Amino acid sequence: MSVAIATPISQIELTPGSAIRISGVTWEGYVALLKELGDDRSTRVAYENGVLEIRMPGQSHESANRVLAAISLTLAEEFGFEFNDLGSMTMNRADLSKGIEPDSCFYIQNAQAGQGLGEPISNDLPPDLALEVDIANRSDSKLSIYQAMGVPEVWLYQRGSFGVASGANRLKIKHLENGAYVDALASRAFPMVNAEQLNQWLEVRRTGTDLTVVRAVRQFCRTVQG
């Protein structure tokens, strides 16, 4: 059964932690919606082959997202990698009829001076790492968008609310290999870090703060480097 939506899409109000999917949206309609919504908003939008998704991250979602971003920055700093955090920048490919705003994305191996501050980033240079946190929706359904755009690595944090009983939430590392994502033990962007270590740091966050995690990451890095 189809349901007609009388309220313009741009005026739909979502509660934190919720999402809405709408079918039959043209590429032109999607681009017009992004322009109407503007950049000063907390919602994130994804589009694939006529299906539009708008989600409103909640507290649990952003807690996981921000601590993972802090872990990434700390790893880059400690191991001497360049690093540009482009947050949830809009990634559009009209030729693929796909668009997405990741929870966070980073240029590491392909970090460049001034990246994102001047001219738009080329579609030919996807971020080295994207984060997807699955609280309000099935984030793994977006992997086909990242796959088509050639994002080499995705950290996918799935299931449940951040902060519930231990073991309910797990982060998986996904590598793009031969045109498809496969589970990987270690990160491609940070080869010295594996999925189990990332999950251990997420466990630290349950009883500590973001800085508690950052200190744990620094200690790990310095131990590895001797």
Protein backbone atom coordinates (compact mmCIF):
# COMPACT_ATOMS: atom_id res chain seq x y z
CA MET A 1 0.00 0.00 0.00
CA SER A 2 1.36 3.41 -0.94
CA VAL A 3 0.79 6.47 1.23
CA ALA A 4 0.67 10.00 -0.15
CA ILE A 5 2.73 12.57 1.77
CA ALA A 6 1.02 15.94 1.80
CA THR A 7 3.80 17.71 3.73
CA PRO A 8 6.78 18.83 1.61
CA ILE A 9 9.76 16.56 2.26
CA SER A 10 11.87 19.48 3.44
CA GLN A 11 9.31 20.25 6.17
CA ILE A 12 9.07 16.74 7.60
CA GLU A 13 10.24 16.80 11.21
CA LEU A 14 12.06 13.73 12.49
CA THR A 15 12.70 12.86 16.10
CA PRO A 16 16.31 12.11 17.10
CA GLY A 17 17.19 8.52 16.27
CA SER A 18 14.58 8.14 13.51
CA ALA A 19 14.68 7.87 9.73
CA ILE A 20 12.29 8.01 6.77
CA ARG A 21 12.60 6.42 3.32
CA ILE A 22 10.73 7.72 0.27
CA SER A 23 10.61 6.02 -3.13
CA GLY A 24 10.07 7.56 -6.55
CA VAL A 25 12.27 10.62 -6.05
CA THR A 26 14.07 11.84 -9.15
CA TRP A 27 17.72 12.88 -9.13
CA GLU A 28 16.64 16.45 -9.81
CA GLY A 29 14.23 16.29 -6.89
CA TYR A 30 16.99 14.99 -4.62
CA VAL A 31 19.41 17.75 -5.62
CA ALA A 32 16.69 20.39 -5.18
CA LEU A 33 15.94 19.02 -1.70
CA LEU A 34 19.59 19.26 -0.68
CA LYS A 35 19.67 22.86 -1.83
CA GLU A 36 16.48 23.67 0.09
CA LEU A 37 17.68 21.96 3.26
CA GLY A 38 21.03 23.78 3.14
CA ASP A 39 24.18 22.87 5.02
CA ASP A 40 23.18 24.11 8.47
CA ARG A 41 21.23 21.04 9.59
CA SER A 42 21.64 17.92 11.67
CA THR A 43 19.86 15.50 9.32
CA ARG A 44 21.77 13.26 6.92
CA VAL A 45 20.51 12.34 3.47
CA ALA A 46 21.20 9.38 1.20
CA TYR A 47 19.92 8.68 -2.32
CA GLU A 48 20.13 5.62 -4.53
CA ASN A 49 18.21 4.90 -7.72
CA GLY A 50 15.08 6.85 -6.80
CA VAL A 51 15.03 5.99 -3.07
CA LEU A 52 15.63 8.88 -0.68
CA GLU A 53 16.46 8.41 2.97
CA ILE A 54 16.56 11.16 5.59
CA ARG A 55 17.75 10.35 9.09
CA MET A 56 18.08 12.34 12.26
CA PRO A 57 20.98 11.08 14.39
CA GLY A 58 20.25 10.75 18.09
CA GLN A 59 22.47 10.99 21.13
CA SER A 60 23.57 7.35 21.01
CA HIS A 61 24.37 7.63 17.32
CA GLU A 62 26.50 10.74 17.69
CA SER A 63 28.30 9.43 20.79
CA ALA A 64 29.55 6.44 18.82
CA ASN A 65 30.31 8.55 15.75
CA ARG A 66 32.32 11.18 17.59
CA VAL A 67 34.41 8.77 19.63
CA LEU A 68 35.31 6.83 16.47
CA ALA A 69 36.30 10.10 14.80
CA ALA A 70 38.45 10.95 17.84
CA ILE A 71 40.09 7.51 17.64
CA SER A 72 40.87 8.06 13.94
CA LEU A 73 42.43 11.49 14.52
CA THR A 74 44.51 10.20 17.43
CA LEU A 75 45.80 7.24 15.41
CA ALA A 76 46.80 9.56 12.57
CA GLU A 77 48.56 11.95 14.92
CA GLU A 78 50.43 9.25 16.85
CA PHE A 79 51.55 7.32 13.77
CA GLY A 80 52.46 10.42 11.77
CA PHE A 81 49.79 10.21 9.06
CA GLU A 82 48.29 13.24 7.37
CA PHE A 83 44.59 13.57 8.14
CA ASN A 84 41.63 15.62 6.93
CA ASP A 85 38.24 15.18 8.60
CA LEU A 86 35.48 16.07 6.14
CA GLY A 87 32.69 15.05 8.52
CA SER A 88 29.40 14.26 6.82
CA MET A 89 30.19 16.00 3.55
CA THR A 90 27.73 15.38 0.73
CA MET A 91 29.07 12.93 -1.83
CA ASN A 92 27.04 13.06 -5.05
CA ARG A 93 27.46 11.08 -8.27
CA ALA A 94 24.86 12.00 -10.86
CA ASP A 95 26.37 9.45 -13.25
CA LEU A 96 25.65 6.71 -10.71
CA SER A 97 22.33 8.16 -9.47
CA LYS A 98 23.71 7.92 -5.93
CA GLY A 99 24.45 10.34 -3.13
CA ILE A 100 25.32 9.99 0.53
CA GLU A 101 26.34 11.92 3.62
CA PRO A 102 28.44 9.60 5.81
CA ASP A 103 28.45 9.92 9.56
CA SER A 104 32.11 10.87 9.20
CA CYS A 105 34.70 10.53 6.47
CA PHE A 106 38.44 11.05 6.36
CA TYR A 107 41.21 11.58 3.86
CA ILE A 108 44.37 9.95 5.19
CA GLN A 109 46.52 8.40 2.49
CA ASN A 110 45.01 10.97 0.09
CA ALA A 111 45.03 13.93 2.49
CA GLN A 112 46.00 17.17 0.80
CA ALA A 113 46.69 20.69 2.04
CA GLY A 114 43.54 22.80 2.15
CA GLN A 115 41.34 19.86 1.17
CA GLY A 116 37.67 20.81 1.37
CA LEU A 117 38.33 24.51 2.07
CA GLY A 118 38.51 25.62 -1.56
CA GLU A 119 37.23 23.97 -4.68
CA PRO A 120 34.88 20.95 -4.41
CA ILE A 121 36.67 17.61 -4.05
CA SER A 122 36.74 15.57 -7.25
CA ASN A 123 34.41 12.60 -7.54
CA ASP A 124 37.48 10.63 -8.58
CA LEU A 125 38.96 10.99 -5.08
CA PRO A 126 36.65 9.33 -2.55
CA PRO A 127 37.60 9.46 1.16
CA ASP A 128 40.00 6.79 2.38
CA LEU A 129 37.72 5.89 5.29
CA ALA A 130 34.02 6.39 6.01
CA LEU A 131 32.11 5.75 9.25
CA GLU A 132 28.55 4.44 9.33
CA VAL A 133 26.75 4.10 12.66
CA ASP A 134 23.66 1.88 12.64
CA ILE A 135 21.21 3.10 15.28
CA ALA A 136 18.12 4.41 13.45
CA ASN A 137 18.42 2.29 10.32
CA ARG A 138 20.32 -0.48 8.57
CA SER A 139 23.54 1.28 7.62
CA ASP A 140 24.76 -1.81 5.78
CA SER A 141 22.14 -1.01 3.14
CA LYS A 142 24.30 2.01 2.20
CA LEU A 143 27.33 -0.10 1.39
CA SER A 144 26.22 -0.33 -2.23
CA ILE A 145 26.53 3.48 -2.47
CA TYR A 146 30.04 3.51 -1.00
CA GLN A 147 30.92 0.57 -3.22
CA ALA A 148 29.86 2.36 -6.38
CA MET A 149 31.82 5.45 -5.32
CA GLY A 150 34.96 3.43 -4.66
CA VAL A 151 35.42 4.17 -0.94
CA PRO A 152 38.16 1.67 0.01
CA GLU A 153 37.22 1.21 3.68
CA VAL A 154 34.12 1.56 5.84
CA TRP A 155 33.86 1.15 9.61
CA LEU A 156 30.34 -0.13 10.23
CA TYR A 157 29.08 0.13 13.79
CA GLN A 158 25.90 -1.92 14.08
CA ARG A 159 22.99 -2.76 16.31
CA GLY A 160 21.45 -1.41 19.49
CA SER A 161 21.98 1.86 21.31
CA PHE A 162 25.45 2.96 22.31
CA GLY A 163 25.94 2.30 26.00
CA VAL A 164 23.79 -0.83 26.45
CA ALA A 165 25.08 -4.14 27.75
CA SER A 166 28.53 -5.23 26.67
CA GLY A 167 28.64 -7.17 23.41
CA ALA A 168 25.39 -5.74 22.02
CA ASN A 169 27.24 -3.38 19.69
CA ARG A 170 30.02 -4.41 17.34
CA LEU A 171 32.13 -2.54 14.86
CA LYS A 172 33.14 -4.26 11.64
CA ILE A 173 35.87 -3.20 9.25
CA LYS A 174 34.83 -3.47 5.60
CA HIS A 175 37.34 -3.43 2.74
CA LEU A 176 36.43 -2.91 -0.90
CA GLU A 177 37.90 -5.84 -2.81
CA ASN A 178 37.09 -6.72 -6.41
CA GLY A 179 34.10 -4.39 -6.38
CA ALA A 180 32.48 -5.71 -3.19
CA TYR A 181 32.88 -5.17 0.54
CA VAL A 182 34.31 -7.97 2.65
CA ASP A 183 34.91 -8.20 6.39
CA ALA A 184 38.52 -7.49 7.31
CA LEU A 185 40.48 -8.10 10.49
CA ALA A 186 42.66 -5.00 10.28
CA SER A 187 42.18 -1.47 9.00
CA ARG A 188 43.57 -0.49 5.61
CA ALA A 189 43.90 3.16 6.61
CA PHE A 190 45.57 2.24 9.92
CA PRO A 191 47.17 -1.19 9.34
CA MET A 192 48.34 -1.50 12.96
CA VAL A 193 44.75 -1.51 14.25
CA ASN A 194 42.26 -4.38 14.03
CA ALA A 195 38.52 -4.59 14.60
CA GLU A 196 38.91 -6.19 18.01
CA GLN A 197 41.04 -3.29 19.23
CA LEU A 198 38.49 -0.78 17.97
CA ASN A 199 35.75 -2.63 19.83
CA GLN A 200 37.84 -2.62 22.99
CA TRP A 201 38.14 1.15 22.79
CA LEU A 202 34.38 1.42 22.34
CA GLU A 203 34.01 -0.63 25.52
CA VAL A 204 36.28 1.86 27.33
CA ARG A 205 33.88 4.63 26.32
CA ARG A 206 31.01 2.92 28.17
CA THR A 207 32.57 3.67 31.54
CA GLY A 208 34.73 6.64 30.52
CA THR A 209 34.75 9.78 28.42
CA ASP A 210 36.05 10.53 24.95
CA LEU A 211 39.33 11.63 26.53
CA THR A 212 39.56 8.34 28.42
CA VAL A 213 39.48 6.62 25.04
CA VAL A 214 41.97 9.04 23.48
CA ARG A 215 44.43 8.38 26.31
CA ALA A 216 43.99 4.62 25.78
CA VAL A 217 44.64 5.03 22.04
CA ARG A 218 47.78 7.09 22.70
CA GLN A 219 49.07 4.45 25.11
CA PHE A 220 48.43 1.72 22.53
CA CYS A 221 50.26 3.65 19.81
CA ARG A 222 53.27 4.36 21.97
CA THR A 223 53.47 0.75 23.06
CA VAL A 224 53.34 -0.46 19.46
CA GLN A 225 56.06 1.99 18.46
CA GLY A 226 58.23 0.95 21.41
